[in-house]
Every structure is written in C-alpha cells, then in structure tokens.
C-alpha atoms as a PDB file:
ATOM      1  CA  MET A   1    -170.947 -23.135 -12.701  1.00  0.00           C
ATOM      2  CA  THR A   2    -174.350 -21.763 -12.425  1.00  0.00           C
ATOM      3  CA  MET A   3    -176.106 -21.307  -9.123  1.00  0.00           C
ATOM      4  CA  LYS A   4    -178.541 -24.087 -10.024  1.00  0.00           C
ATOM      5  CA  LYS A   5    -175.733 -26.671 -10.504  1.00  0.00           C
ATOM      6  CA  LYS A   6    -174.036 -25.611  -7.277  1.00  0.00           C
ATOM      7  CA  GLY A   7    -177.315 -26.069  -5.447  1.00  0.00           C
ATOM      8  CA  ARG A   8    -177.694 -29.591  -6.835  1.00  0.00           C
ATOM      9  CA  TYR A   9    -174.158 -30.524  -5.759  1.00  0.00           C
ATOM     10  CA  ILE A  10    -174.758 -29.160  -2.279  1.00  0.00           C
ATOM     11  CA  ILE A  11    -178.010 -31.127  -1.953  1.00  0.00           C
ATOM     12  CA  ILE A  12    -176.303 -34.332  -3.168  1.00  0.00           C
ATOM     13  CA  ILE A  13    -173.407 -33.845  -0.734  1.00  0.00           C
ATOM     14  CA  LEU A  14    -175.787 -33.164   2.160  1.00  0.00           C
ATOM     15  CA  ALA A  15    -177.809 -36.274   1.292  1.00  0.00           C
ATOM     16  CA  ILE A  16    -174.668 -38.428   1.198  1.00  0.00           C
ATOM     17  CA  LEU A  17    -173.487 -36.991   4.529  1.00  0.00           C
ATOM     18  CA  ALA A  18    -176.885 -37.571   6.108  1.00  0.00           C
ATOM     19  CA  LEU A  19    -176.853 -41.201   4.981  1.00  0.00           C
ATOM     20  CA  ALA A  20    -173.221 -41.759   5.983  1.00  0.00           C
ATOM     21  CA  LEU A  21    -173.646 -40.258   9.439  1.00  0.00           C
ATOM     22  CA  ASN A  22    -177.001 -41.907  10.095  1.00  0.00           C
ATOM     23  CA  GLN A  23    -176.776 -45.078  12.225  1.00  0.00           C
ATOM     24  CA  GLY A  24    -179.886 -46.553  10.571  1.00  0.00           C
ATOM     25  CA  ALA A  25    -178.450 -46.171   7.078  1.00  0.00           C
ATOM     26  CA  ARG A  26    -175.192 -47.851   8.114  1.00  0.00           C
ATOM     27  CA  THR A  27    -177.119 -50.703   9.727  1.00  0.00           C
ATOM     28  CA  LEU A  28    -179.262 -51.081   6.618  1.00  0.00           C
ATOM     29  CA  THR A  29    -176.172 -51.238   4.397  1.00  0.00           C
ATOM     30  CA  ARG A  30    -174.477 -53.784   6.668  1.00  0.00           C
ATOM     31  CA  ARG A  31    -177.601 -55.949   6.700  1.00  0.00           C
ATOM     32  CA  PHE A  32    -177.865 -55.735   2.911  1.00  0.00           C
ATOM     33  CA  PHE A  33    -174.378 -57.184   2.465  1.00  0.00           C
ATOM     34  CA  GLU A  34    -175.028 -59.776   5.168  1.00  0.00           C
ATOM     35  CA  GLN A  35    -178.188 -60.847   3.320  1.00  0.00           C
ATOM     36  CA  ARG A  36    -176.245 -61.216   0.064  1.00  0.00           C
ATOM     37  CA  LYS A  37    -173.691 -63.444   1.805  1.00  0.00           C
ATOM     38  CA  LEU A  38    -176.414 -65.569   3.392  1.00  0.00           C
ATOM     39  CA  ARG A  39    -178.154 -66.021   0.047  1.00  0.00           C
ATOM     40  CA  SER A  40    -174.865 -67.174  -1.446  1.00  0.00           C
ATOM     41  CA  ASP A  41    -174.394 -69.604   1.451  1.00  0.00           C
ATOM     42  CA  VAL A  42    -177.904 -70.983   0.905  1.00  0.00           C
ATOM     43  CA  LYS A  43    -177.215 -71.534  -2.809  1.00  0.00           C
ATOM     44  CA  ASN A  44    -173.969 -73.356  -1.985  1.00  0.00           C
ATOM     45  CA  ALA A  45    -175.751 -75.517   0.589  1.00  0.00           C
ATOM     46  CA  GLN A  46    -178.500 -76.374  -1.909  1.00  0.00           C
ATOM     47  CA  TYR A  47    -175.883 -77.363  -4.487  1.00  0.00           C
ATOM     48  CA  GLN A  48    -174.066 -79.563  -1.974  1.00  0.00           C
ATOM     49  CA  ASN A  49    -177.387 -81.088  -0.932  1.00  0.00           C
ATOM     50  CA  ALA A  50    -178.189 -81.975  -4.542  1.00  0.00           C
ATOM     51  CA  LEU A  51    -174.766 -83.622  -4.946  1.00  0.00           C
ATOM     52  CA  LEU A  52    -175.224 -85.645  -1.775  1.00  0.00           C
ATOM     53  CA  LYS A  53    -178.718 -86.760  -2.826  1.00  0.00           C
ATOM     54  CA  LYS A  54    -177.286 -87.924  -6.151  1.00  0.00           C
ATOM     55  CA  ARG A  55    -174.509 -89.777  -4.357  1.00  0.00           C
ATOM     56  CA  ILE A  56    -177.036 -91.477  -2.025  1.00  0.00           C
ATOM     57  CA  TYR A  57    -179.112 -92.543  -5.018  1.00  0.00           C
ATOM     58  CA  TYR A  58    -176.096 -94.137  -6.705  1.00  0.00           C
ATOM     59  CA  LEU A  59    -174.957 -95.800  -3.476  1.00  0.00           C
ATOM     60  CA  GLU A  60    -178.402 -97.355  -3.046  1.00  0.00           C
ATOM     61  CA  ASN A  61    -178.946 -98.381  -6.674  1.00  0.00           C
ATOM     62  CA  GLU A  62    -175.586 -98.930  -8.417  1.00  0.00           C
ATOM     63  CA  PRO A  63    -173.262-101.674  -7.135  1.00  0.00           C
ATOM     64  CA  SER A  64    -170.495-100.543  -9.484  1.00  0.00           C
ATOM     65  CA  TYR A  65    -170.586 -97.096  -7.870  1.00  0.00           C
ATOM     66  CA  ILE A  66    -170.028 -98.614  -4.437  1.00  0.00           C
ATOM     67  CA  GLU A  67    -167.046-100.564  -5.784  1.00  0.00           C
ATOM     68  CA  ARG A  68    -165.602 -97.419  -7.363  1.00  0.00           C
ATOM     69  CA  MET A  69    -166.009 -95.456  -4.125  1.00  0.00           C
ATOM     70  CA  VAL A  70    -164.325 -98.193  -2.081  1.00  0.00           C
ATOM     71  CA  ARG A  71    -161.416 -98.307  -4.515  1.00  0.00           C
ATOM     72  CA  SER A  72    -160.904 -94.544  -4.623  1.00  0.00           C
ATOM     73  CA  GLU A  73    -161.543 -93.593  -0.989  1.00  0.00           C
ATOM     74  CA  LEU A  74    -160.118 -96.643   0.788  1.00  0.00           C
ATOM     75  CA  ASN A  75    -157.398 -97.513  -1.767  1.00  0.00           C
ATOM     76  CA  VAL A  76    -158.586-101.122  -1.994  1.00  0.00           C
ATOM     77  CA  ILE A  77    -157.561-103.413  -4.837  1.00  0.00           C
ATOM     78  CA  ALA A  78    -159.220-106.695  -5.727  1.00  0.00           C
ATOM     79  CA  GLN A  79    -157.455-109.984  -5.251  1.00  0.00           C
ATOM     80  CA  GLY A  80    -155.253-110.789  -8.243  1.00  0.00           C
ATOM     81  CA  GLU A  81    -155.028-107.160  -9.423  1.00  0.00           C
ATOM     82  CA  VAL A  82    -151.720-105.367  -9.760  1.00  0.00           C
ATOM     83  CA  GLU A  83    -151.387-101.798  -8.554  1.00  0.00           C
ATOM     84  CA  TYR A  84    -149.052 -99.514 -10.473  1.00  0.00           C
ATOM     85  CA  ARG A  85    -147.522 -96.470  -8.806  1.00  0.00           C
ATOM     86  CA  PHE A  86    -145.606 -93.855 -10.722  1.00  0.00           C
ATOM     87  CA  PRO A  87    -142.997 -91.637  -9.059  1.00  0.00           C
ATOM     88  CA  THR A  88    -143.578 -87.912  -9.008  1.00  0.00           C
ATOM     89  CA  LYS A  89    -141.044 -85.368 -10.226  1.00  0.00           C
ATOM     90  CA  GLU A  90    -140.812 -83.532  -6.897  1.00  0.00           C
ATOM     91  CA  LYS A  91    -137.311 -82.739  -5.652  1.00  0.00           C
ATOM     92  CA  GLY A  92    -136.215 -84.095  -2.313  1.00  0.00           C
ATOM     93  CA  LYS A  93    -135.159 -81.881   0.572  1.00  0.00           C
ATOM     94  CA  GLY A  94    -131.411 -82.399   0.158  1.00  0.00           C
ATOM     95  CA  GLU A  95    -131.217 -81.765  -3.583  1.00  0.00           C
ATOM     96  CA  LYS A  96    -130.010 -78.447  -4.993  1.00  0.00           C
ATOM     97  CA  ASN A  97    -130.949 -76.838  -8.257  1.00  0.00           C
ATOM     98  CA  GLU A  98    -127.869 -77.033 -10.453  1.00  0.00           C
ATOM     99  CA  LYS A  99    -127.345 -75.163 -13.690  1.00  0.00           C
ATOM    100  CA  ILE A 100    -126.430 -77.184 -16.739  1.00  0.00           C
ATOM    101  CA  GLY A 101    -123.770 -75.987 -19.198  1.00  0.00           C
ATOM    102  CA  LYS A 102    -121.810 -73.482 -17.122  1.00  0.00           C
END
C-alpha cells in the first residue's frame, strides 16, 4: 500500500473511533432509531384510525353491517335458523399417534 492509502485508512479509523466514543454521536444514533420506530407507530395508528372510521360509518349507515357484526361477534342466530358446527381434526389429549402398516 502506498503512504497515501494508509493515511486515508488511518483517518477513516480515527473518524469512526471519534464517533463511536463520542456520547453525542451515540445519543444521536439512538434518537434516530427511536424516531424511525415512532414514525412506524404513527403510521400504524393512522391505519387503525382509518379502519375504525370506516367501521363507524358502516355502523351508522348500513343496517346489514350491524346484523353481520352481531352475528359474528356475539354468535347470535335468528329465530328459525339452524346453526351447523363441524368438528375439527385436532387430536385429544389421551390419543397417541399410531403407525399404520407395521
């Protein structure tokens, strides 16, 4: 390596060390990442707010939406309707896995 390249590497290393050992630089870096997280939180909150506003609109203006919400969240069925329930394929606690065709 030439003397010029070595000098550049030394300057770069000294600059990195100065930034790494400097309390202000560490604080600035920490605050940068904190700001990114807060911006992400704000975007998520705005998205949730938009969804809730849409839901309020439908609750105020669409009777069928209210009926659908009552059915899904409260598990209500209308008089004269038949509710069908299908069993799941989950294994019970006492059952063992057995191999077929030993």
